[in-house]
Amino acid sequence: MENKTEYDVAIIGGGSAGLSAAIYASRGGMNTVIFEKALIGGQITTTADVENYPGFEENMSGFDIADKMRRHAEKFGTEIKQENITAIHMDDFEKYVETNSNKYKVKSIIVATGANPSKLDVPGEAKYTGRGVSYCATCDGALYRDKIVAVIGGGDSAVEEAIFLTKFAKKVYIIHRRDELRAVKLIQKRAFENDKIEIIWNSIVKEVKGGDFIEKIELYNKKTKKIRNLELNGIFIYVGIIPNNELIKSAVKLDSQGFILTDETMSTKIPGLYAAGDVVHKVLRQVITAASDGAIAAFSAEKWIEENKDKF
C-alpha cells in the first residue's frame, strides 16, 4: 500500500467516536486516517458484556464491537496508523500532524482522544477491571441484577449512579472517604431515603480481592483505624474523570474540568478542527453517544472541506 503523507481527514483516537467518524468520512469519499497509539477500540474494549448498544440483542464483548467498527471503517478505505502523535500544527488551511516517525499534511482534524476515569490505584483494581470493577453504571449496571455492589465516591455522579444501580442490585453501598457527601442536597436526600442504599463513611478501599471475578474489597476506616472485608459482586468507581486534552488544550475552549467545548456540529473555535466522544463536554458518555459525535464531526469536516476546496 502506498505510504501517504496527505489526508483529507485525520482522526486522533481509535475509540468508538474515532471509528464512527472514520466510517462516515471514508464512506463520504474522504481520504481518511486514524492515529491510535494503543489498542483500537478505546474504553469499550475493557467491558466484558455490552447489552445496551442498539441492534445487538445478544450480549457482545466491547472488544468484539470495537473490532466490528474497525473492520467497517477499513472496508471503506480508512487507514489506521499506530503512531504516537507528538504535535499538531494548525494555521487555517495549513494543518499538520506530527508523530514520532512522520509528518502528515491534513485538511481537517477530528480529536477523539477520549477520557480516562480516575483510578483508585489499589491492588486488584486493574486485575478485576471488566470482571467486577467498572467505571460506568449506565454501561454495566444491568449485569448486577439481584447482586451486591458498591459505589466508590461521594460526588454527584457517584450518588446518582448509586441510585441508578438500585434498579438492578439488591444492595448498594456508597463508600466515601469523608463523613459527608459532596453531592447536591437533593441527590443526597434521594440516596438517604432509598432502602437499598447503605453508606459506609470515612472509609477507603485498600484492595480488591476475588477469584475469576471480584468477591470482596478490603476497607480501611480512617477514624477507627480498623480494616474489614466487605463481600460483594462488583464495584463502580466514581472518583473523577480526566479528559485526554493534552494535544490541543491550549488551542481550544475547555470547560472547568478540561473537556473540549464544541457546538452542535462538533466544531471547535478553530476552522477545520472538530472533537468527538468522551473528550467533549457532554451529559452522557456512552458508546452510542460517542458514535453519534463521530458521525456528526465527520459530516461537518466533509462539508467544510467541500465549501473551502479552492483554498487548499
C-alpha atoms as a PDB file:
ATOM      1  CA  MET A   1       0.000   0.000   0.000  1.00  0.00           C
ATOM      2  CA  GLU A   2       1.200   3.489  -0.833  1.00  0.00           C
ATOM      3  CA  ASN A   3       2.523   5.369   2.194  1.00  0.00           C
ATOM      4  CA  LYS A   4       0.524   8.591   2.030  1.00  0.00           C
ATOM      5  CA  THR A   5       1.592  11.772   3.760  1.00  0.00           C
ATOM      6  CA  GLU A   6      -1.521  13.830   2.917  1.00  0.00           C
ATOM      7  CA  TYR A   7      -5.108  13.208   4.028  1.00  0.00           C
ATOM      8  CA  ASP A   8      -8.457  14.944   3.952  1.00  0.00           C
ATOM      9  CA  VAL A   9      -9.414  13.867   7.467  1.00  0.00           C
ATOM     10  CA  ALA A  10      -7.061  12.899  10.281  1.00  0.00           C
ATOM     11  CA  ILE A  11      -8.747  11.326  13.291  1.00  0.00           C
ATOM     12  CA  ILE A  12      -6.806  11.253  16.534  1.00  0.00           C
ATOM     13  CA  GLY A  13      -8.021   8.330  18.596  1.00  0.00           C
ATOM     14  CA  GLY A  14      -9.354   4.931  17.609  1.00  0.00           C
ATOM     15  CA  GLY A  15     -12.225   4.522  20.065  1.00  0.00           C
ATOM     16  CA  SER A  16     -15.928   4.463  19.263  1.00  0.00           C
ATOM     17  CA  ALA A  17     -16.020   8.156  18.285  1.00  0.00           C
ATOM     18  CA  GLY A  18     -12.932   7.909  16.096  1.00  0.00           C
ATOM     19  CA  LEU A  19     -14.055   4.724  14.346  1.00  0.00           C
ATOM     20  CA  SER A  20     -17.534   6.113  13.711  1.00  0.00           C
ATOM     21  CA  ALA A  21     -16.007   9.296  12.298  1.00  0.00           C
ATOM     22  CA  ALA A  22     -13.774   7.190  10.064  1.00  0.00           C
ATOM     23  CA  ILE A  23     -16.708   5.184   8.710  1.00  0.00           C
ATOM     24  CA  TYR A  24     -18.620   8.338   7.782  1.00  0.00           C
ATOM     25  CA  ALA A  25     -15.615  10.237   6.437  1.00  0.00           C
ATOM     26  CA  SER A  26     -14.193   7.433   4.299  1.00  0.00           C
ATOM     27  CA  ARG A  27     -17.621   6.392   3.054  1.00  0.00           C
ATOM     28  CA  GLY A  28     -18.117  10.044   2.064  1.00  0.00           C
ATOM     29  CA  GLY A  29     -15.084   9.852  -0.216  1.00  0.00           C
ATOM     30  CA  MET A  30     -12.597  11.495   2.113  1.00  0.00           C
ATOM     31  CA  ASN A  31      -9.011  10.252   2.349  1.00  0.00           C
ATOM     32  CA  THR A  32      -9.142   9.250   5.987  1.00  0.00           C
ATOM     33  CA  VAL A  33      -6.593   8.137   8.562  1.00  0.00           C
ATOM     34  CA  ILE A  34      -6.879   7.184  12.232  1.00  0.00           C
ATOM     35  CA  PHE A  35      -3.942   7.650  14.564  1.00  0.00           C
ATOM     36  CA  GLU A  36      -4.086   5.393  17.598  1.00  0.00           C
ATOM     37  CA  LYS A  37      -1.067   4.742  19.787  1.00  0.00           C
ATOM     38  CA  ALA A  38      -2.661   1.924  21.787  1.00  0.00           C
ATOM     39  CA  LEU A  39      -5.439  -0.613  21.270  1.00  0.00           C
ATOM     40  CA  ILE A  40      -8.067   0.151  18.648  1.00  0.00           C
ATOM     41  CA  GLY A  41     -11.460   0.418  20.331  1.00  0.00           C
ATOM     42  CA  GLY A  42     -10.665   2.571  23.340  1.00  0.00           C
ATOM     43  CA  GLN A  43     -12.537   2.268  26.642  1.00  0.00           C
ATOM     44  CA  ILE A  44     -15.179  -0.102  25.313  1.00  0.00           C
ATOM     45  CA  THR A  45     -12.625  -2.899  24.982  1.00  0.00           C
ATOM     46  CA  THR A  46     -12.469  -3.165  28.785  1.00  0.00           C
ATOM     47  CA  THR A  47     -16.175  -4.043  29.017  1.00  0.00           C
ATOM     48  CA  ALA A  48     -16.839  -7.780  29.084  1.00  0.00           C
ATOM     49  CA  ASP A  49     -20.512  -7.552  28.048  1.00  0.00           C
ATOM     50  CA  VAL A  50     -22.255  -4.712  26.245  1.00  0.00           C
ATOM     51  CA  GLU A  51     -26.032  -5.070  26.348  1.00  0.00           C
ATOM     52  CA  ASN A  52     -27.294  -1.571  25.553  1.00  0.00           C
ATOM     53  CA  TYR A  53     -25.903  -0.947  22.063  1.00  0.00           C
ATOM     54  CA  PRO A  54     -28.863  -0.876  19.662  1.00  0.00           C
ATOM     55  CA  GLY A  55     -29.169  -3.830  17.326  1.00  0.00           C
ATOM     56  CA  PHE A  56     -27.167  -6.307  19.404  1.00  0.00           C
ATOM     57  CA  GLU A  57     -29.825  -8.063  21.462  1.00  0.00           C
ATOM     58  CA  GLU A  58     -27.337 -10.792  22.334  1.00  0.00           C
ATOM     59  CA  ASN A  59     -24.558  -9.502  24.583  1.00  0.00           C
ATOM     60  CA  MET A  60     -21.278  -8.831  22.817  1.00  0.00           C
ATOM     61  CA  SER A  61     -17.954  -8.030  24.348  1.00  0.00           C
ATOM     62  CA  GLY A  62     -16.687  -4.494  23.979  1.00  0.00           C
ATOM     63  CA  PHE A  63     -13.682  -5.875  22.131  1.00  0.00           C
ATOM     64  CA  ASP A  64     -15.914  -7.568  19.531  1.00  0.00           C
ATOM     65  CA  ILE A  65     -17.946  -4.421  18.930  1.00  0.00           C
ATOM     66  CA  ALA A  66     -14.775  -2.374  18.509  1.00  0.00           C
ATOM     67  CA  ASP A  67     -13.391  -4.955  16.096  1.00  0.00           C
ATOM     68  CA  LYS A  68     -16.557  -4.759  14.001  1.00  0.00           C
ATOM     69  CA  MET A  69     -16.255  -0.969  13.908  1.00  0.00           C
ATOM     70  CA  ARG A  70     -12.606  -1.215  12.865  1.00  0.00           C
ATOM     71  CA  ARG A  71     -13.365  -3.610  10.018  1.00  0.00           C
ATOM     72  CA  HIS A  72     -16.287  -1.428   8.938  1.00  0.00           C
ATOM     73  CA  ALA A  73     -14.006   1.621   8.720  1.00  0.00           C
ATOM     74  CA  GLU A  74     -11.311  -0.290   6.824  1.00  0.00           C
ATOM     75  CA  LYS A  75     -13.940  -1.602   4.397  1.00  0.00           C
ATOM     76  CA  PHE A  76     -14.440   1.982   3.173  1.00  0.00           C
ATOM     77  CA  GLY A  77     -10.719   2.668   2.920  1.00  0.00           C
ATOM     78  CA  THR A  78      -9.750   4.127   6.282  1.00  0.00           C
ATOM     79  CA  GLU A  79      -6.079   3.741   7.103  1.00  0.00           C
ATOM     80  CA  ILE A  80      -5.088   3.053  10.688  1.00  0.00           C
ATOM     81  CA  LYS A  81      -1.654   4.081  11.880  1.00  0.00           C
ATOM     82  CA  GLN A  82      -0.392   3.058  15.290  1.00  0.00           C
ATOM     83  CA  GLU A  83       1.821   6.059  15.721  1.00  0.00           C
ATOM     84  CA  ASN A  84       2.076   8.377  18.696  1.00  0.00           C
ATOM     85  CA  ILE A  85       1.222  11.976  17.842  1.00  0.00           C
ATOM     86  CA  THR A  86       3.724  14.441  19.256  1.00  0.00           C
ATOM     87  CA  ALA A  87       2.348  17.716  17.888  1.00  0.00           C
ATOM     88  CA  ILE A  88      -0.416  19.312  15.842  1.00  0.00           C
ATOM     89  CA  HIS A  89       0.157  22.450  13.766  1.00  0.00           C
ATOM     90  CA  MET A  90      -2.929  24.414  12.754  1.00  0.00           C
ATOM     91  CA  ASP A  91      -2.893  27.545  10.641  1.00  0.00           C
ATOM     92  CA  ASP A  92      -6.285  27.896   8.961  1.00  0.00           C
ATOM     93  CA  PHE A  93      -5.871  25.776   5.831  1.00  0.00           C
ATOM     94  CA  GLU A  94      -2.366  24.534   6.635  1.00  0.00           C
ATOM     95  CA  LYS A  95      -2.637  21.707   9.136  1.00  0.00           C
ATOM     96  CA  TYR A  96      -0.008  19.133  10.018  1.00  0.00           C
ATOM     97  CA  VAL A  97       0.030  16.148  12.318  1.00  0.00           C
ATOM     98  CA  GLU A  98       3.430  15.077  13.584  1.00  0.00           C
ATOM     99  CA  THR A  99       4.088  11.631  15.001  1.00  0.00           C
ATOM    100  CA  ASN A 100       7.210  10.069  16.431  1.00  0.00           C
ATOM    101  CA  SER A 101       8.139   8.899  12.934  1.00  0.00           C
ATOM    102  CA  ASN A 102       6.326  11.002  10.294  1.00  0.00           C
ATOM    103  CA  LYS A 103       4.717  14.315   9.423  1.00  0.00           C
ATOM    104  CA  TYR A 104       1.340  14.402   7.666  1.00  0.00           C
ATOM    105  CA  LYS A 105      -0.403  17.264   5.919  1.00  0.00           C
ATOM    106  CA  VAL A 106      -4.164  17.189   6.500  1.00  0.00           C
ATOM    107  CA  LYS A 107      -7.167  19.321   5.642  1.00  0.00           C
ATOM    108  CA  SER A 108      -9.184  18.666   8.780  1.00  0.00           C
ATOM    109  CA  ILE A 109      -8.672  17.058  12.174  1.00  0.00           C
ATOM    110  CA  ILE A 110     -11.108  15.249  14.458  1.00  0.00           C
ATOM    111  CA  VAL A 111      -9.892  14.884  18.029  1.00  0.00           C
ATOM    112  CA  ALA A 112     -11.375  11.754  19.581  1.00  0.00           C
ATOM    113  CA  THR A 113      -8.826  11.103  22.289  1.00  0.00           C
ATOM    114  CA  GLY A 114     -11.356  10.135  24.956  1.00  0.00           C
ATOM    115  CA  ALA A 115     -11.087  10.401  28.700  1.00  0.00           C
ATOM    116  CA  ASN A 116      -9.823   8.144  31.432  1.00  0.00           C
ATOM    117  CA  PRO A 117     -11.628   7.524  34.700  1.00  0.00           C
ATOM    118  CA  SER A 118      -9.534   8.387  37.710  1.00  0.00           C
ATOM    119  CA  LYS A 119      -8.308   5.199  39.335  1.00  0.00           C
ATOM    120  CA  LEU A 120      -8.041   4.156  42.952  1.00  0.00           C
ATOM    121  CA  ASP A 121      -4.609   2.682  42.219  1.00  0.00           C
ATOM    122  CA  VAL A 122      -5.032  -0.161  44.699  1.00  0.00           C
ATOM    123  CA  PRO A 123      -4.062  -3.840  44.342  1.00  0.00           C
ATOM    124  CA  GLY A 124      -6.594  -5.837  42.342  1.00  0.00           C
ATOM    125  CA  GLU A 125      -8.227  -2.871  40.616  1.00  0.00           C
ATOM    126  CA  ALA A 126      -6.583  -3.443  37.252  1.00  0.00           C
ATOM    127  CA  LYS A 127      -6.882  -7.236  37.505  1.00  0.00           C
ATOM    128  CA  TYR A 128     -10.655  -7.123  38.011  1.00  0.00           C
ATOM    129  CA  THR A 129     -11.475  -4.312  35.590  1.00  0.00           C
ATOM    130  CA  GLY A 130     -14.237  -5.771  33.429  1.00  0.00           C
ATOM    131  CA  ARG A 131     -14.654  -8.614  35.926  1.00  0.00           C
ATOM    132  CA  GLY A 132     -16.352  -6.772  38.741  1.00  0.00           C
ATOM    133  CA  VAL A 133     -14.613  -3.408  38.628  1.00  0.00           C
ATOM    134  CA  SER A 134     -16.425  -0.872  36.460  1.00  0.00           C
ATOM    135  CA  TYR A 135     -16.328   2.866  35.893  1.00  0.00           C
ATOM    136  CA  CYS A 136     -19.766   3.135  34.265  1.00  0.00           C
ATOM    137  CA  ALA A 137     -23.005   2.120  35.987  1.00  0.00           C
ATOM    138  CA  THR A 138     -25.055   3.013  32.923  1.00  0.00           C
ATOM    139  CA  CYS A 139     -22.945   0.601  30.878  1.00  0.00           C
ATOM    140  CA  ASP A 140     -22.754  -2.317  33.282  1.00  0.00           C
ATOM    141  CA  GLY A 141     -25.418  -1.871  35.953  1.00  0.00           C
ATOM    142  CA  ALA A 142     -27.893  -4.326  34.434  1.00  0.00           C
ATOM    143  CA  LEU A 143     -25.298  -7.089  34.753  1.00  0.00           C
ATOM    144  CA  TYR A 144     -25.697  -6.935  38.546  1.00  0.00           C
ATOM    145  CA  ARG A 145     -29.372  -7.751  38.873  1.00  0.00           C
ATOM    146  CA  ASP A 146     -30.113  -9.062  42.385  1.00  0.00           C
ATOM    147  CA  LYS A 147     -26.455  -8.773  43.360  1.00  0.00           C
ATOM    148  CA  ILE A 148     -24.488  -6.679  45.843  1.00  0.00           C
ATOM    149  CA  VAL A 149     -22.422  -3.761  44.594  1.00  0.00           C
ATOM    150  CA  ALA A 150     -20.619  -0.709  45.919  1.00  0.00           C
ATOM    151  CA  VAL A 151     -20.056   2.758  44.503  1.00  0.00           C
ATOM    152  CA  ILE A 152     -16.801   4.430  45.462  1.00  0.00           C
ATOM    153  CA  GLY A 153     -17.092   8.209  45.751  1.00  0.00           C
ATOM    154  CA  GLY A 154     -19.305  10.906  47.213  1.00  0.00           C
ATOM    155  CA  GLY A 155     -19.941  13.441  44.472  1.00  0.00           C
ATOM    156  CA  ASP A 156     -22.968  13.955  42.235  1.00  0.00           C
ATOM    157  CA  SER A 157     -22.005  11.229  39.764  1.00  0.00           C
ATOM    158  CA  ALA A 158     -21.271   8.659  42.452  1.00  0.00           C
ATOM    159  CA  VAL A 159     -24.534   9.180  44.332  1.00  0.00           C
ATOM    160  CA  GLU A 160     -26.661   9.442  41.181  1.00  0.00           C
ATOM    161  CA  GLU A 161     -25.187   6.197  39.874  1.00  0.00           C
ATOM    162  CA  ALA A 162     -25.744   4.501  43.219  1.00  0.00           C
ATOM    163  CA  ILE A 163     -29.427   5.415  42.978  1.00  0.00           C
ATOM    164  CA  PHE A 164     -29.482   4.146  39.384  1.00  0.00           C
ATOM    165  CA  LEU A 165     -27.942   0.837  40.445  1.00  0.00           C
ATOM    166  CA  THR A 166     -30.793   0.184  42.879  1.00  0.00           C
ATOM    167  CA  LYS A 167     -32.920  -0.573  39.825  1.00  0.00           C
ATOM    168  CA  PHE A 168     -30.940  -3.787  39.460  1.00  0.00           C
ATOM    169  CA  ALA A 169     -28.886  -4.628  42.539  1.00  0.00           C
ATOM    170  CA  LYS A 170     -30.449  -5.874  45.760  1.00  0.00           C
ATOM    171  CA  LYS A 171     -27.953  -3.871  47.826  1.00  0.00           C
ATOM    172  CA  VAL A 172     -25.820  -0.832  47.011  1.00  0.00           C
ATOM    173  CA  TYR A 173     -23.103   0.501  49.286  1.00  0.00           C
ATOM    174  CA  ILE A 174     -21.752   4.004  48.886  1.00  0.00           C
ATOM    175  CA  ILE A 175     -18.202   4.098  50.209  1.00  0.00           C
ATOM    176  CA  HIS A 176     -16.915   7.584  50.920  1.00  0.00           C
ATOM    177  CA  ARG A 177     -13.668   8.740  52.445  1.00  0.00           C
ATOM    178  CA  ARG A 178     -15.319  11.581  54.366  1.00  0.00           C
ATOM    179  CA  ASP A 179     -18.180  11.847  56.858  1.00  0.00           C
ATOM    180  CA  GLU A 180     -20.478  13.742  54.497  1.00  0.00           C
ATOM    181  CA  LEU A 181     -21.280  13.506  50.799  1.00  0.00           C
ATOM    182  CA  ARG A 182     -20.281  16.148  48.269  1.00  0.00           C
ATOM    183  CA  ALA A 183     -23.358  15.617  46.072  1.00  0.00           C
ATOM    184  CA  VAL A 184     -26.047  18.288  45.958  1.00  0.00           C
ATOM    185  CA  LYS A 185     -28.578  18.056  48.798  1.00  0.00           C
ATOM    186  CA  LEU A 186     -31.494  16.857  46.663  1.00  0.00           C
ATOM    187  CA  ILE A 187     -29.489  13.899  45.353  1.00  0.00           C
ATOM    188  CA  GLN A 188     -28.262  13.104  48.851  1.00  0.00           C
ATOM    189  CA  LYS A 189     -31.852  13.106  50.130  1.00  0.00           C
ATOM    190  CA  ARG A 190     -32.873  10.573  47.498  1.00  0.00           C
ATOM    191  CA  ALA A 191     -30.000   8.313  48.482  1.00  0.00           C
ATOM    192  CA  PHE A 192     -30.737   8.558  52.200  1.00  0.00           C
ATOM    193  CA  GLU A 193     -34.374   7.659  51.568  1.00  0.00           C
ATOM    194  CA  ASN A 194     -33.571   4.622  49.401  1.00  0.00           C
ATOM    195  CA  ASP A 195     -33.841   1.410  51.425  1.00  0.00           C
ATOM    196  CA  LYS A 196     -31.379  -0.401  49.141  1.00  0.00           C
ATOM    197  CA  ILE A 197     -28.547   2.062  49.804  1.00  0.00           C
ATOM    198  CA  GLU A 198     -26.188   1.910  52.769  1.00  0.00           C
ATOM    199  CA  ILE A 199     -23.416   4.469  53.202  1.00  0.00           C
ATOM    200  CA  ILE A 200     -20.078   3.493  54.663  1.00  0.00           C
ATOM    201  CA  TRP A 201     -18.399   6.662  55.937  1.00  0.00           C
ATOM    202  CA  ASN A 202     -14.756   7.606  56.442  1.00  0.00           C
ATOM    203  CA  SER A 203     -13.548   4.577  54.517  1.00  0.00           C
ATOM    204  CA  ILE A 204     -11.201   3.890  51.637  1.00  0.00           C
ATOM    205  CA  VAL A 205     -10.619   0.803  49.521  1.00  0.00           C
ATOM    206  CA  LYS A 206      -7.261  -0.791  50.189  1.00  0.00           C
ATOM    207  CA  GLU A 207      -7.524  -3.861  47.953  1.00  0.00           C
ATOM    208  CA  VAL A 208      -9.861  -5.636  45.533  1.00  0.00           C
ATOM    209  CA  LYS A 209      -9.979  -9.398  46.041  1.00  0.00           C
ATOM    210  CA  GLY A 210     -11.518 -12.423  44.351  1.00  0.00           C
ATOM    211  CA  GLY A 211     -11.042 -15.455  42.149  1.00  0.00           C
ATOM    212  CA  ASP A 212     -12.010 -15.230  38.491  1.00  0.00           C
ATOM    213  CA  PHE A 213     -14.283 -12.312  39.453  1.00  0.00           C
ATOM    214  CA  ILE A 214     -14.351  -9.851  42.321  1.00  0.00           C
ATOM    215  CA  GLU A 215     -15.586 -11.338  45.607  1.00  0.00           C
ATOM    216  CA  LYS A 216     -14.782  -8.702  48.226  1.00  0.00           C
ATOM    217  CA  ILE A 217     -12.929  -5.499  48.961  1.00  0.00           C
ATOM    218  CA  GLU A 218     -10.712  -4.584  51.869  1.00  0.00           C
ATOM    219  CA  LEU A 219     -11.800  -1.352  53.551  1.00  0.00           C
ATOM    220  CA  TYR A 220      -9.854   0.874  55.916  1.00  0.00           C
ATOM    221  CA  ASN A 221     -11.786   3.143  58.273  1.00  0.00           C
ATOM    222  CA  LYS A 222      -9.882   6.400  58.705  1.00  0.00           C
ATOM    223  CA  LYS A 223     -11.470   7.150  62.083  1.00  0.00           C
ATOM    224  CA  THR A 224     -11.365   3.777  63.808  1.00  0.00           C
ATOM    225  CA  LYS A 225      -8.160   2.693  62.036  1.00  0.00           C
ATOM    226  CA  LYS A 226      -9.761  -0.718  61.535  1.00  0.00           C
ATOM    227  CA  ILE A 227      -9.698  -2.911  58.435  1.00  0.00           C
ATOM    228  CA  ARG A 228     -12.561  -5.123  57.309  1.00  0.00           C
ATOM    229  CA  ASN A 229     -13.557  -7.150  54.267  1.00  0.00           C
ATOM    230  CA  LEU A 230     -16.833  -6.365  52.521  1.00  0.00           C
ATOM    231  CA  GLU A 231     -18.264  -9.171  50.383  1.00  0.00           C
ATOM    232  CA  LEU A 232     -19.885  -8.078  47.132  1.00  0.00           C
ATOM    233  CA  ASN A 233     -20.140  -8.801  43.416  1.00  0.00           C
ATOM    234  CA  GLY A 234     -18.967  -5.547  41.883  1.00  0.00           C
ATOM    235  CA  ILE A 235     -17.725  -2.031  42.478  1.00  0.00           C
ATOM    236  CA  PHE A 236     -18.269   1.138  40.484  1.00  0.00           C
ATOM    237  CA  ILE A 237     -15.542   3.742  40.835  1.00  0.00           C
ATOM    238  CA  TYR A 238     -16.523   7.425  40.612  1.00  0.00           C
ATOM    239  CA  VAL A 239     -13.607   9.453  41.843  1.00  0.00           C
ATOM    240  CA  GLY A 240     -13.291  11.667  38.766  1.00  0.00           C
ATOM    241  CA  ILE A 241     -12.653  11.520  35.031  1.00  0.00           C
ATOM    242  CA  ILE A 242      -9.705  13.006  33.177  1.00  0.00           C
ATOM    243  CA  PRO A 243     -10.079  14.196  29.550  1.00  0.00           C
ATOM    244  CA  ASN A 244      -7.167  13.435  27.243  1.00  0.00           C
ATOM    245  CA  ASN A 245      -6.847  17.015  26.002  1.00  0.00           C
ATOM    246  CA  GLU A 246      -3.074  17.482  26.107  1.00  0.00           C
ATOM    247  CA  LEU A 247      -2.592  17.868  22.360  1.00  0.00           C
ATOM    248  CA  ILE A 248      -4.941  20.820  21.893  1.00  0.00           C
ATOM    249  CA  LYS A 249      -5.856  22.187  25.325  1.00  0.00           C
ATOM    250  CA  SER A 250      -4.065  25.476  24.659  1.00  0.00           C
ATOM    251  CA  ALA A 251      -5.788  25.965  21.294  1.00  0.00           C
ATOM    252  CA  VAL A 252      -9.466  25.342  22.090  1.00  0.00           C
ATOM    253  CA  LYS A 253     -12.072  26.322  24.647  1.00  0.00           C
ATOM    254  CA  LEU A 254     -12.450  23.973  27.612  1.00  0.00           C
ATOM    255  CA  ASP A 255     -14.973  23.680  30.402  1.00  0.00           C
ATOM    256  CA  SER A 256     -13.939  23.861  34.051  1.00  0.00           C
ATOM    257  CA  GLN A 257     -12.966  20.184  34.060  1.00  0.00           C
ATOM    258  CA  GLY A 258     -10.916  20.338  30.894  1.00  0.00           C
ATOM    259  CA  PHE A 259     -13.430  18.877  28.436  1.00  0.00           C
ATOM    260  CA  ILE A 260     -13.475  20.409  24.953  1.00  0.00           C
ATOM    261  CA  LEU A 261     -16.341  22.767  24.166  1.00  0.00           C
ATOM    262  CA  THR A 262     -17.906  22.331  20.722  1.00  0.00           C
ATOM    263  CA  ASP A 263     -21.064  23.491  19.008  1.00  0.00           C
ATOM    264  CA  GLU A 264     -23.776  21.160  17.693  1.00  0.00           C
ATOM    265  CA  THR A 265     -21.636  20.362  14.622  1.00  0.00           C
ATOM    266  CA  MET A 266     -18.769  19.191  16.880  1.00  0.00           C
ATOM    267  CA  SER A 267     -16.746  22.195  15.699  1.00  0.00           C
ATOM    268  CA  THR A 268     -14.204  23.890  17.939  1.00  0.00           C
ATOM    269  CA  LYS A 269     -13.291  27.549  17.621  1.00  0.00           C
ATOM    270  CA  ILE A 270     -10.641  26.613  15.017  1.00  0.00           C
ATOM    271  CA  PRO A 271     -11.990  26.111  11.460  1.00  0.00           C
ATOM    272  CA  GLY A 272     -11.477  22.522  10.353  1.00  0.00           C
ATOM    273  CA  LEU A 273     -10.839  21.233  13.866  1.00  0.00           C
ATOM    274  CA  TYR A 274     -13.508  19.039  15.432  1.00  0.00           C
ATOM    275  CA  ALA A 275     -13.821  16.996  18.605  1.00  0.00           C
ATOM    276  CA  ALA A 276     -15.938  13.959  19.401  1.00  0.00           C
ATOM    277  CA  GLY A 277     -16.564  11.409  22.120  1.00  0.00           C
ATOM    278  CA  ASP A 278     -15.592  11.374  25.762  1.00  0.00           C
ATOM    279  CA  VAL A 279     -13.103  14.248  25.450  1.00  0.00           C
ATOM    280  CA  VAL A 280     -16.032  16.589  24.698  1.00  0.00           C
ATOM    281  CA  HIS A 281     -18.241  18.383  27.232  1.00  0.00           C
ATOM    282  CA  LYS A 282     -21.462  16.337  27.321  1.00  0.00           C
ATOM    283  CA  VAL A 283     -24.095  14.861  29.636  1.00  0.00           C
ATOM    284  CA  LEU A 284     -23.760  11.175  28.700  1.00  0.00           C
ATOM    285  CA  ARG A 285     -20.612   9.224  27.899  1.00  0.00           C
ATOM    286  CA  GLN A 286     -21.643   6.012  26.159  1.00  0.00           C
ATOM    287  CA  VAL A 287     -20.621   4.105  23.048  1.00  0.00           C
ATOM    288  CA  ILE A 288     -23.740   5.285  21.246  1.00  0.00           C
ATOM    289  CA  THR A 289     -23.175   8.984  22.023  1.00  0.00           C
ATOM    290  CA  ALA A 290     -19.513   8.705  21.045  1.00  0.00           C
ATOM    291  CA  ALA A 291     -20.511   7.114  17.744  1.00  0.00           C
ATOM    292  CA  SER A 292     -23.047   9.896  17.192  1.00  0.00           C
ATOM    293  CA  ASP A 293     -20.432  12.572  17.873  1.00  0.00           C
ATOM    294  CA  GLY A 294     -18.048  10.930  15.419  1.00  0.00           C
ATOM    295  CA  ALA A 295     -20.638  10.788  12.669  1.00  0.00           C
ATOM    296  CA  ILE A 296     -21.519  14.461  13.128  1.00  0.00           C
ATOM    297  CA  ALA A 297     -17.861  15.507  13.219  1.00  0.00           C
ATOM    298  CA  ALA A 298     -17.093  13.604  10.013  1.00  0.00           C
ATOM    299  CA  PHE A 299     -20.125  15.070   8.244  1.00  0.00           C
ATOM    300  CA  SER A 300     -19.092  18.564   9.359  1.00  0.00           C
ATOM    301  CA  ALA A 301     -15.492  18.046   8.244  1.00  0.00           C
ATOM    302  CA  GLU A 302     -16.583  16.800   4.830  1.00  0.00           C
ATOM    303  CA  LYS A 303     -18.909  19.761   4.382  1.00  0.00           C
ATOM    304  CA  TRP A 304     -16.209  22.242   5.478  1.00  0.00           C
ATOM    305  CA  ILE A 305     -13.643  20.757   3.074  1.00  0.00           C
ATOM    306  CA  GLU A 306     -16.105  20.925   0.194  1.00  0.00           C
ATOM    307  CA  GLU A 307     -17.007  24.542   0.972  1.00  0.00           C
ATOM    308  CA  ASN A 308     -13.351  25.538   1.062  1.00  0.00           C
ATOM    309  CA  LYS A 309     -11.885  23.259  -1.615  1.00  0.00           C
ATOM    310  CA  ASP A 310     -10.415  26.172  -3.543  1.00  0.00           C
ATOM    311  CA  LYS A 311      -8.299  27.215  -0.532  1.00  0.00           C
ATOM    312  CA  PHE A 312      -6.293  24.030  -0.052  1.00  0.00           C
END
